[in-house]
C-alpha atoms as a PDB file:
ATOM      1  CA  MET A   1      67.534  46.044  60.579  1.00  0.00           C
ATOM      2  CA  GLU A   2      66.219  43.708  63.255  1.00  0.00           C
ATOM      3  CA  VAL A   3      64.054  40.596  63.301  1.00  0.00           C
ATOM      4  CA  GLY A   4      62.614  39.433  66.601  1.00  0.00           C
ATOM      5  CA  ALA A   5      60.133  36.762  67.667  1.00  0.00           C
ATOM      6  CA  VAL A   6      59.040  35.094  70.905  1.00  0.00           C
ATOM      7  CA  ARG A   7      57.714  31.528  70.824  1.00  0.00           C
ATOM      8  CA  LEU A   8      55.277  30.762  73.660  1.00  0.00           C
ATOM      9  CA  HIS A   9      54.846  27.086  74.535  1.00  0.00           C
ATOM     10  CA  PRO A  10      51.692  25.646  76.161  1.00  0.00           C
ATOM     11  CA  SER A  11      53.745  25.160  79.320  1.00  0.00           C
ATOM     12  CA  GLY A  12      54.325  28.905  79.501  1.00  0.00           C
ATOM     13  CA  GLU A  13      57.995  28.646  78.621  1.00  0.00           C
ATOM     14  CA  THR A  14      59.331  30.918  75.900  1.00  0.00           C
ATOM     15  CA  ASP A  15      62.036  30.779  73.250  1.00  0.00           C
ATOM     16  CA  VAL A  16      63.449  33.921  71.713  1.00  0.00           C
ATOM     17  CA  LEU A  17      64.864  34.605  68.261  1.00  0.00           C
ATOM     18  CA  ARG A  18      66.651  37.855  67.551  1.00  0.00           C
ATOM     19  CA  ALA A  19      68.736  38.681  64.504  1.00  0.00           C
ATOM     20  CA  THR A  20      70.217  41.773  62.909  1.00  0.00           C
ATOM     21  CA  VAL A  21      70.032  41.799  59.121  1.00  0.00           C
ATOM     22  CA  ASP A  22      71.511  44.023  56.472  1.00  0.00           C
ATOM     23  CA  PRO A  23      68.632  45.742  54.613  1.00  0.00           C
ATOM     24  CA  GLY A  24      70.908  46.297  51.605  1.00  0.00           C
ATOM     25  CA  VAL A  25      70.372  50.057  51.634  1.00  0.00           C
ATOM     26  CA  PRO A  26      71.683  52.895  53.839  1.00  0.00           C
ATOM     27  CA  ILE A  27      69.673  53.417  57.020  1.00  0.00           C
ATOM     28  CA  PRO A  28      68.433  57.037  57.232  1.00  0.00           C
ATOM     29  CA  ALA A  29      69.524  58.975  60.309  1.00  0.00           C
ATOM     30  CA  GLU A  30      65.874  59.626  61.153  1.00  0.00           C
ATOM     31  CA  ALA A  31      65.196  55.884  61.327  1.00  0.00           C
ATOM     32  CA  SER A  32      68.315  55.259  63.416  1.00  0.00           C
ATOM     33  CA  ALA A  33      67.107  57.883  65.881  1.00  0.00           C
ATOM     34  CA  VAL A  34      63.965  55.817  66.428  1.00  0.00           C
ATOM     35  CA  HIS A  35      65.259  52.235  66.666  1.00  0.00           C
ATOM     36  CA  GLY A  36      68.938  52.884  67.434  1.00  0.00           C
ATOM     37  CA  ILE A  37      70.263  50.736  64.574  1.00  0.00           C
ATOM     38  CA  THR A  38      72.926  52.308  62.339  1.00  0.00           C
ATOM     39  CA  ASP A  39      74.750  51.278  59.170  1.00  0.00           C
ATOM     40  CA  GLY A  40      77.661  50.218  61.362  1.00  0.00           C
ATOM     41  CA  ASP A  41      75.432  47.866  63.334  1.00  0.00           C
ATOM     42  CA  VAL A  42      74.343  45.965  60.217  1.00  0.00           C
ATOM     43  CA  ALA A  43      77.758  45.926  58.506  1.00  0.00           C
ATOM     44  CA  GLY A  44      78.719  42.324  57.844  1.00  0.00           C
ATOM     45  CA  ARG A  45      75.313  41.012  58.873  1.00  0.00           C
ATOM     46  CA  PRO A  46      73.435  38.702  56.516  1.00  0.00           C
ATOM     47  CA  PRO A  47      70.514  39.932  54.411  1.00  0.00           C
ATOM     48  CA  PHE A  48      67.075  38.535  55.217  1.00  0.00           C
ATOM     49  CA  PRO A  49      67.515  35.422  53.025  1.00  0.00           C
ATOM     50  CA  GLY A  50      70.451  34.504  55.245  1.00  0.00           C
ATOM     51  CA  ILE A  51      68.284  34.172  58.345  1.00  0.00           C
ATOM     52  CA  ALA A  52      65.025  33.182  56.619  1.00  0.00           C
ATOM     53  CA  PRO A  53      65.476  29.395  57.063  1.00  0.00           C
ATOM     54  CA  ARG A  54      66.160  29.788  60.794  1.00  0.00           C
ATOM     55  CA  LEU A  55      63.154  32.067  61.232  1.00  0.00           C
ATOM     56  CA  ALA A  56      60.884  29.712  59.272  1.00  0.00           C
ATOM     57  CA  THR A  57      61.980  26.809  61.471  1.00  0.00           C
ATOM     58  CA  PHE A  58      61.426  28.884  64.597  1.00  0.00           C
ATOM     59  CA  LEU A  59      57.859  29.691  63.478  1.00  0.00           C
ATOM     60  CA  ASP A  60      57.076  26.193  62.247  1.00  0.00           C
ATOM     61  CA  GLY A  61      53.911  24.820  63.836  1.00  0.00           C
ATOM     62  CA  CYS A  62      53.090  28.132  65.515  1.00  0.00           C
ATOM     63  CA  ASP A  63      49.994  30.226  65.443  1.00  0.00           C
ATOM     64  CA  LEU A  64      50.884  33.907  65.154  1.00  0.00           C
ATOM     65  CA  ALA A  65      50.206  36.900  67.383  1.00  0.00           C
ATOM     66  CA  GLY A  66      51.356  40.502  67.557  1.00  0.00           C
ATOM     67  CA  PHE A  67      50.271  44.117  67.706  1.00  0.00           C
ATOM     68  CA  GLY A  68      49.253  45.270  64.224  1.00  0.00           C
ATOM     69  CA  ILE A  69      50.536  41.981  62.817  1.00  0.00           C
ATOM     70  CA  ALA A  70      47.686  41.427  60.356  1.00  0.00           C
ATOM     71  CA  ARG A  71      48.122  44.689  58.481  1.00  0.00           C
ATOM     72  CA  PHE A  72      51.886  45.091  58.596  1.00  0.00           C
ATOM     73  CA  ASP A  73      54.077  42.261  59.866  1.00  0.00           C
ATOM     74  CA  LEU A  74      52.435  39.324  58.119  1.00  0.00           C
ATOM     75  CA  PRO A  75      52.208  40.844  54.612  1.00  0.00           C
ATOM     76  CA  LEU A  76      55.810  42.019  54.907  1.00  0.00           C
ATOM     77  CA  LEU A  77      56.972  38.663  56.231  1.00  0.00           C
ATOM     78  CA  ASP A  78      55.139  36.826  53.478  1.00  0.00           C
ATOM     79  CA  ALA A  79      56.769  38.997  50.811  1.00  0.00           C
ATOM     80  CA  GLU A  80      60.261  38.631  52.309  1.00  0.00           C
ATOM     81  CA  PHE A  81      59.979  34.847  52.630  1.00  0.00           C
ATOM     82  CA  ALA A  82      58.799  34.638  49.005  1.00  0.00           C
ATOM     83  CA  ARG A  83      61.842  36.610  47.814  1.00  0.00           C
ATOM     84  CA  ALA A  84      64.073  34.330  49.861  1.00  0.00           C
ATOM     85  CA  GLY A  85      62.489  31.271  48.228  1.00  0.00           C
ATOM     86  CA  ILE A  86      61.194  29.970  51.569  1.00  0.00           C
ATOM     87  CA  GLY A  87      57.681  28.549  51.736  1.00  0.00           C
ATOM     88  CA  PHE A  88      55.648  30.316  54.418  1.00  0.00           C
ATOM     89  CA  SER A  89      51.863  30.303  54.716  1.00  0.00           C
ATOM     90  CA  ILE A  90      49.388  31.531  57.305  1.00  0.00           C
ATOM     91  CA  ALA A  91      46.539  29.529  55.753  1.00  0.00           C
ATOM     92  CA  ASP A  92      46.728  26.833  58.428  1.00  0.00           C
ATOM     93  CA  ARG A  93      47.635  29.152  61.306  1.00  0.00           C
ATOM     94  CA  ARG A  94      45.449  31.125  63.657  1.00  0.00           C
ATOM     95  CA  VAL A  95      46.310  34.834  63.820  1.00  0.00           C
ATOM     96  CA  VAL A  96      45.677  36.936  66.923  1.00  0.00           C
ATOM     97  CA  ASP A  97      46.166  40.662  66.442  1.00  0.00           C
ATOM     98  CA  ALA A  98      46.269  42.536  69.752  1.00  0.00           C
ATOM     99  CA  LEU A  99      45.632  45.784  67.883  1.00  0.00           C
ATOM    100  CA  SER A 100      42.250  44.476  66.715  1.00  0.00           C
ATOM    101  CA  ILE A 101      41.344  43.580  70.294  1.00  0.00           C
ATOM    102  CA  PHE A 102      42.437  47.028  71.428  1.00  0.00           C
ATOM    103  CA  HIS A 103      40.288  48.720  68.782  1.00  0.00           C
ATOM    104  CA  ASP A 104      37.351  46.448  69.605  1.00  0.00           C
ATOM    105  CA  ARG A 105      37.422  47.000  73.357  1.00  0.00           C
ATOM    106  CA  GLU A 106      38.700  50.570  73.735  1.00  0.00           C
ATOM    107  CA  ARG A 107      36.651  53.351  72.151  1.00  0.00           C
ATOM    108  CA  ARG A 108      38.669  55.948  70.252  1.00  0.00           C
ATOM    109  CA  ASP A 109      35.956  58.424  69.280  1.00  0.00           C
ATOM    110  CA  LEU A 110      35.327  61.972  70.467  1.00  0.00           C
ATOM    111  CA  SER A 111      33.063  60.801  73.282  1.00  0.00           C
ATOM    112  CA  ALA A 112      35.846  58.609  74.661  1.00  0.00           C
ATOM    113  CA  ALA A 113      38.354  61.461  74.375  1.00  0.00           C
ATOM    114  CA  VAL A 114      36.043  63.825  76.281  1.00  0.00           C
ATOM    115  CA  GLU A 115      35.635  61.319  79.097  1.00  0.00           C
ATOM    116  CA  PHE A 116      39.386  60.641  79.183  1.00  0.00           C
ATOM    117  CA  TYR A 117      40.539  64.270  79.261  1.00  0.00           C
ATOM    118  CA  THR A 118      37.690  65.914  81.173  1.00  0.00           C
ATOM    119  CA  GLY A 119      36.362  63.109  83.355  1.00  0.00           C
ATOM    120  CA  ARG A 120      32.777  63.675  82.290  1.00  0.00           C
ATOM    121  CA  PRO A 121      30.603  62.293  79.500  1.00  0.00           C
ATOM    122  CA  ILE A 122      29.930  64.249  76.349  1.00  0.00           C
ATOM    123  CA  GLU A 123      26.633  66.122  76.214  1.00  0.00           C
ATOM    124  CA  ASP A 124      24.390  66.069  73.153  1.00  0.00           C
ATOM    125  CA  ALA A 125      26.836  63.802  71.329  1.00  0.00           C
ATOM    126  CA  HIS A 126      27.097  64.075  67.542  1.00  0.00           C
ATOM    127  CA  SER A 127      25.396  67.439  67.169  1.00  0.00           C
ATOM    128  CA  ALA A 128      27.687  69.759  65.224  1.00  0.00           C
ATOM    129  CA  LEU A 129      27.946  72.431  67.931  1.00  0.00           C
ATOM    130  CA  ALA A 130      28.416  69.898  70.727  1.00  0.00           C
ATOM    131  CA  ASP A 131      31.189  68.182  68.780  1.00  0.00           C
ATOM    132  CA  ALA A 132      32.955  71.510  68.228  1.00  0.00           C
ATOM    133  CA  ALA A 133      32.664  72.433  71.911  1.00  0.00           C
ATOM    134  CA  SER A 134      33.780  68.960  72.974  1.00  0.00           C
ATOM    135  CA  SER A 135      36.843  69.183  70.730  1.00  0.00           C
ATOM    136  CA  LEU A 136      37.793  72.385  72.524  1.00  0.00           C
ATOM    137  CA  HIS A 137      37.381  70.642  75.871  1.00  0.00           C
ATOM    138  CA  VAL A 138      39.645  67.841  74.672  1.00  0.00           C
ATOM    139  CA  LEU A 139      42.331  70.285  73.533  1.00  0.00           C
ATOM    140  CA  ARG A 140      42.210  72.095  76.859  1.00  0.00           C
ATOM    141  CA  GLY A 141      42.428  68.773  78.664  1.00  0.00           C
ATOM    142  CA  GLN A 142      45.448  67.782  76.595  1.00  0.00           C
ATOM    143  CA  PHE A 143      47.270  70.994  77.529  1.00  0.00           C
ATOM    144  CA  GLU A 144      46.506  70.337  81.189  1.00  0.00           C
ATOM    145  CA  ARG A 145      47.690  66.732  80.988  1.00  0.00           C
ATOM    146  CA  TYR A 146      50.781  67.164  78.790  1.00  0.00           C
ATOM    147  CA  ALA A 147      52.988  69.899  80.188  1.00  0.00           C
ATOM    148  CA  ASP A 148      55.455  69.576  77.305  1.00  0.00           C
ATOM    149  CA  LEU A 149      52.969  70.509  74.564  1.00  0.00           C
ATOM    150  CA  PRO A 150      54.316  73.596  72.750  1.00  0.00           C
ATOM    151  CA  ALA A 151      52.471  76.846  73.387  1.00  0.00           C
ATOM    152  CA  GLU A 152      53.517  78.415  70.084  1.00  0.00           C
ATOM    153  CA  LEU A 153      51.022  77.679  67.327  1.00  0.00           C
ATOM    154  CA  ASP A 154      53.726  77.083  64.696  1.00  0.00           C
ATOM    155  CA  GLU A 155      55.279  74.360  66.851  1.00  0.00           C
ATOM    156  CA  LEU A 156      51.879  72.919  67.708  1.00  0.00           C
ATOM    157  CA  ASP A 157      51.009  72.820  64.012  1.00  0.00           C
ATOM    158  CA  ARG A 158      54.134  70.785  63.265  1.00  0.00           C
ATOM    159  CA  LEU A 159      53.343  68.385  66.100  1.00  0.00           C
ATOM    160  CA  ALA A 160      49.610  67.911  65.541  1.00  0.00           C
ATOM    161  CA  SER A 161      49.505  67.997  61.729  1.00  0.00           C
ATOM    162  CA  PRO A 162      51.744  65.057  60.742  1.00  0.00           C
ATOM    163  CA  GLY A 163      51.344  65.615  57.018  1.00  0.00           C
ATOM    164  CA  ARG A 164      52.718  69.128  57.388  1.00  0.00           C
ATOM    165  CA  ARG A 165      55.763  68.382  59.534  1.00  0.00           C
ATOM    166  CA  ASP A 166      57.986  68.292  56.504  1.00  0.00           C
ATOM    167  CA  PRO A 167      57.072  69.870  53.166  1.00  0.00           C
ATOM    168  CA  SER A 168      59.037  67.128  51.425  1.00  0.00           C
ATOM    169  CA  TRP A 169      56.527  64.517  52.576  1.00  0.00           C
ATOM    170  CA  ILE A 170      54.340  63.223  49.761  1.00  0.00           C
ATOM    171  CA  ASP A 171      51.871  61.470  52.062  1.00  0.00           C
ATOM    172  CA  PRO A 172      50.642  62.236  55.600  1.00  0.00           C
ATOM    173  CA  GLN A 173      52.833  59.531  57.152  1.00  0.00           C
ATOM    174  CA  GLY A 174      56.031  60.488  55.332  1.00  0.00           C
ATOM    175  CA  ARG A 175      56.429  57.060  53.754  1.00  0.00           C
ATOM    176  CA  LEU A 176      57.508  58.761  50.522  1.00  0.00           C
ATOM    177  CA  VAL A 177      59.522  61.990  50.423  1.00  0.00           C
ATOM    178  CA  ARG A 178      60.823  64.195  47.656  1.00  0.00           C
ATOM    179  CA  ARG A 179      64.586  64.840  47.580  1.00  0.00           C
ATOM    180  CA  ASP A 180      66.456  66.586  44.754  1.00  0.00           C
ATOM    181  CA  GLY A 181      63.698  65.909  42.248  1.00  0.00           C
ATOM    182  CA  GLU A 182      63.443  62.208  43.148  1.00  0.00           C
ATOM    183  CA  ILE A 183      60.923  60.340  45.274  1.00  0.00           C
ATOM    184  CA  LEU A 184      62.532  58.336  48.083  1.00  0.00           C
ATOM    185  CA  ILE A 185      60.995  55.401  49.940  1.00  0.00           C
ATOM    186  CA  ARG A 186      61.139  55.806  53.721  1.00  0.00           C
ATOM    187  CA  PHE A 187      59.978  52.397  54.930  1.00  0.00           C
ATOM    188  CA  GLY A 188      60.473  48.691  54.427  1.00  0.00           C
ATOM    189  CA  ARG A 189      63.285  46.823  52.706  1.00  0.00           C
ATOM    190  CA  TYR A 190      64.001  49.644  50.239  1.00  0.00           C
ATOM    191  CA  ASN A 191      64.162  52.418  52.808  1.00  0.00           C
ATOM    192  CA  GLY A 192      66.366  55.156  51.358  1.00  0.00           C
ATOM    193  CA  ARG A 193      66.101  53.999  47.732  1.00  0.00           C
ATOM    194  CA  THR A 194      64.407  56.044  45.029  1.00  0.00           C
ATOM    195  CA  LEU A 195      61.018  54.963  43.783  1.00  0.00           C
ATOM    196  CA  ALA A 196      62.318  54.939  40.214  1.00  0.00           C
ATOM    197  CA  GLU A 197      65.137  52.533  41.119  1.00  0.00           C
ATOM    198  CA  VAL A 198      62.823  50.100  42.857  1.00  0.00           C
ATOM    199  CA  ALA A 199      60.301  50.288  40.016  1.00  0.00           C
ATOM    200  CA  GLY A 200      63.047  49.162  37.662  1.00  0.00           C
ATOM    201  CA  GLU A 201      64.603  46.512  39.920  1.00  0.00           C
ATOM    202  CA  ASP A 202      61.683  45.032  41.851  1.00  0.00           C
ATOM    203  CA  PRO A 203      58.315  46.128  40.427  1.00  0.00           C
ATOM    204  CA  GLY A 204      56.628  43.190  42.168  1.00  0.00           C
ATOM    205  CA  TYR A 205      57.319  44.797  45.538  1.00  0.00           C
ATOM    206  CA  LEU A 206      55.598  48.008  44.453  1.00  0.00           C
ATOM    207  CA  GLU A 207      52.683  46.068  43.006  1.00  0.00           C
ATOM    208  CA  TRP A 208      52.326  44.336  46.368  1.00  0.00           C
ATOM    209  CA  ILE A 209      52.123  47.743  48.076  1.00  0.00           C
ATOM    210  CA  LEU A 210      49.305  48.769  45.742  1.00  0.00           C
ATOM    211  CA  GLY A 211      47.205  45.959  47.187  1.00  0.00           C
ATOM    212  CA  GLN A 212      47.872  46.923  50.810  1.00  0.00           C
ATOM    213  CA  ASP A 213      46.470  49.559  53.141  1.00  0.00           C
ATOM    214  CA  PHE A 214      48.599  52.532  52.095  1.00  0.00           C
ATOM    215  CA  SER A 215      47.451  56.090  51.484  1.00  0.00           C
ATOM    216  CA  ASP A 216      46.124  57.278  48.142  1.00  0.00           C
ATOM    217  CA  GLN A 217      49.180  59.540  47.761  1.00  0.00           C
ATOM    218  CA  VAL A 218      51.554  56.578  48.129  1.00  0.00           C
ATOM    219  CA  LYS A 219      49.599  54.451  45.682  1.00  0.00           C
ATOM    220  CA  GLU A 220      49.339  57.274  43.157  1.00  0.00           C
ATOM    221  CA  ALA A 221      53.102  57.858  43.207  1.00  0.00           C
ATOM    222  CA  ILE A 222      53.845  54.139  42.952  1.00  0.00           C
ATOM    223  CA  ALA A 223      51.394  53.634  40.095  1.00  0.00           C
ATOM    224  CA  GLY A 224      53.081  56.485  38.228  1.00  0.00           C
ATOM    225  CA  ALA A 225      56.528  55.004  38.799  1.00  0.00           C
ATOM    226  CA  LEU A 226      55.395  51.602  37.563  1.00  0.00           C
ATOM    227  CA  ALA A 227      53.827  53.157  34.468  1.00  0.00           C
ATOM    228  CA  GLY A 228      57.120  54.821  33.550  1.00  0.00           C
ATOM    229  CA  PRO A 229      57.561  57.936  31.431  1.00  0.00           C
ATOM    230  CA  PRO A 230      55.067  58.733  28.657  1.00  0.00           C
ATOM    231  CA  GLY A 231      55.876  56.947  25.409  1.00  0.00           C
ATOM    232  CA  GLY A 232      57.716  54.052  27.043  1.00  0.00           C
ATOM    233  CA  GLY A 233      61.220  53.775  28.415  1.00  0.00           C
ATOM    234  CA  PRO A 234      62.371  52.948  31.933  1.00  0.00           C
ATOM    235  CA  PRO A 235      60.298  53.951  34.968  1.00  0.00           C
ATOM    236  CA  ARG A 236      60.995  57.352  36.389  1.00  0.00           C
ATOM    237  CA  SER A 237      60.261  59.322  39.535  1.00  0.00           C
ATOM    238  CA  THR A 238      56.704  60.581  39.589  1.00  0.00           C
ATOM    239  CA  GLU A 239      55.456  63.884  40.951  1.00  0.00           C
ATOM    240  CA  SER A 240      52.246  63.790  42.958  1.00  0.00           C
END
């Protein structure tokens, strides 16, 4: 996979760090289609511990900024540095998350959607009937704005109902999927590995996930994998 960071100096000059790392597991074709990185691209590349010292030095003395960094990048980075045996703390750093600013300054409710897609303010906001009518206006506006939206309801259902795009998905985001009776992880360092394998090899990683902002379905499956089969024995894949 890829690690990238930009260091901005007070003068306005920037330094860039970019590294390809071997995640240690096969990269699913679906993931490669998104970021363009294949198993061939990471062949022979170091795992994260191999570039961790250079990244830690690059970030030394820096405050941290990014889009969604507080909820995703920083917890993941903290966990990866810990596994690499590299001390890394954000306790003495300021953190600026552009996503938080975006959510603070740009409304994302139904009223904002009505104004965006129809060009007029919502009427009688928050009454049940007005909300239903406004939702219809938004949908019509979306069809007018996005010419490539499918007209067939089956295709629209797959597009607009993420949790139903693939019946193998255990959670709405598809972070865990069921394949051949096993639960596979579809994100992070163990992308492509079974939940049962990771529960046996690195339970601390799964315990870390339980404390993060993941869906109830993900946490339920992980808790079951950590608990293992009834009556003891090694962890196993858990149905949810």
